[in-house]
Protein backbone atom coordinates (compact mmCIF):
# COMPACT_ATOMS: atom_id res chain seq x y z
CA MET A 1 -0.47 13.49 -33.30
CA LYS A 2 -2.08 10.26 -32.18
CA LEU A 3 -2.75 8.77 -28.78
CA GLY A 4 -0.97 5.49 -28.17
CA ASN A 5 -1.63 3.15 -25.29
CA ASN A 6 -0.44 0.12 -23.37
CA ILE A 7 -3.87 -1.31 -22.58
CA LYS A 8 -3.18 -4.63 -24.26
CA ARG A 9 0.03 -5.02 -22.20
CA CYS A 10 -1.85 -4.08 -19.02
CA ARG A 11 -4.53 -6.66 -19.78
CA PHE A 12 -1.87 -9.30 -20.41
CA ASP A 13 -0.13 -8.43 -17.13
CA HIS A 14 -3.49 -8.63 -15.36
CA ASP A 15 -3.86 -12.41 -15.81
CA ASP A 16 -4.42 -12.11 -19.57
CA MET A 17 -7.69 -10.26 -18.99
CA SER A 18 -10.12 -10.12 -21.91
CA GLN A 19 -11.27 -6.91 -23.55
CA ASP A 20 -14.80 -7.80 -22.47
CA ALA A 21 -13.82 -8.15 -18.81
CA LEU A 22 -12.03 -4.77 -18.85
CA ALA A 23 -14.97 -3.17 -20.63
CA LYS A 24 -17.39 -4.42 -17.97
CA ALA A 25 -15.06 -3.26 -15.18
CA VAL A 26 -14.94 0.33 -16.50
CA GLY A 27 -18.51 0.52 -17.86
CA VAL A 28 -18.05 0.50 -21.64
CA THR A 29 -18.42 -2.02 -24.47
CA ARG A 30 -15.78 -4.44 -25.68
CA GLN A 31 -15.79 -2.56 -28.99
CA THR A 32 -14.80 0.62 -27.17
CA ILE A 33 -11.78 -1.09 -25.61
CA LEU A 34 -10.85 -2.59 -29.00
CA SER A 35 -11.07 0.84 -30.67
CA ILE A 36 -8.94 2.47 -27.97
CA GLU A 37 -6.30 -0.28 -28.21
CA LYS A 38 -6.11 0.21 -31.99
CA SER A 39 -5.82 4.02 -31.55
CA LYS A 40 -9.03 4.52 -33.54
CA PHE A 41 -10.84 6.14 -30.59
CA VAL A 42 -9.54 8.61 -28.03
CA PRO A 43 -11.13 7.96 -24.63
CA SER A 44 -12.60 10.71 -22.53
CA THR A 45 -10.59 11.92 -19.59
CA LEU A 46 -13.01 10.12 -17.28
CA LEU A 47 -12.62 6.81 -19.12
CA ALA A 48 -8.81 7.14 -19.22
CA LEU A 49 -8.84 7.74 -15.47
CA LYS A 50 -11.13 4.75 -14.88
CA ILE A 51 -8.82 2.49 -16.90
CA ALA A 52 -5.75 3.78 -15.07
CA ARG A 53 -7.42 3.34 -11.70
CA PHE A 54 -8.50 -0.20 -12.58
CA PHE A 55 -4.90 -1.18 -13.37
CA ASN A 56 -3.57 0.86 -10.42
CA LYS A 57 -1.37 2.94 -12.73
CA LYS A 58 -0.96 6.58 -13.65
CA VAL A 59 -2.73 7.70 -16.83
CA ASP A 60 0.59 8.47 -18.51
CA ASP A 61 1.80 4.93 -17.76
CA ILE A 62 -0.99 3.70 -20.05
CA PHE A 63 -1.53 6.51 -22.56
CA TYR A 64 1.11 8.43 -24.52
CA ILE A 65 1.32 10.81 -27.47
CA ILE A 66 2.72 9.60 -30.78
CA ASP A 67 4.17 12.57 -32.63
CA GLU A 68 3.72 11.48 -36.24
CA ALA A 69 6.06 14.21 -37.54
CA VAL A 70 8.92 12.79 -35.47
CA ALA A 71 7.99 9.18 -36.37
CA GLU A 72 8.24 9.96 -40.10
CA LYS A 73 11.90 11.07 -39.85
């Protein structure tokens, strides 16, 4: 299983916000946001909640599970 996300879409919907601006708003580096967007890094629960709160969304509106076994069929 992998963790997918809609962060890039949320940034776009939020006046085409940069990764750097989001990173500063939630207290991480731009590289952290990039890694999360590319599903190379799974954020902590606290960071996922901060991102969701920033965009005024529920965590599961931004993050979702990709079941690789189902995707392969």
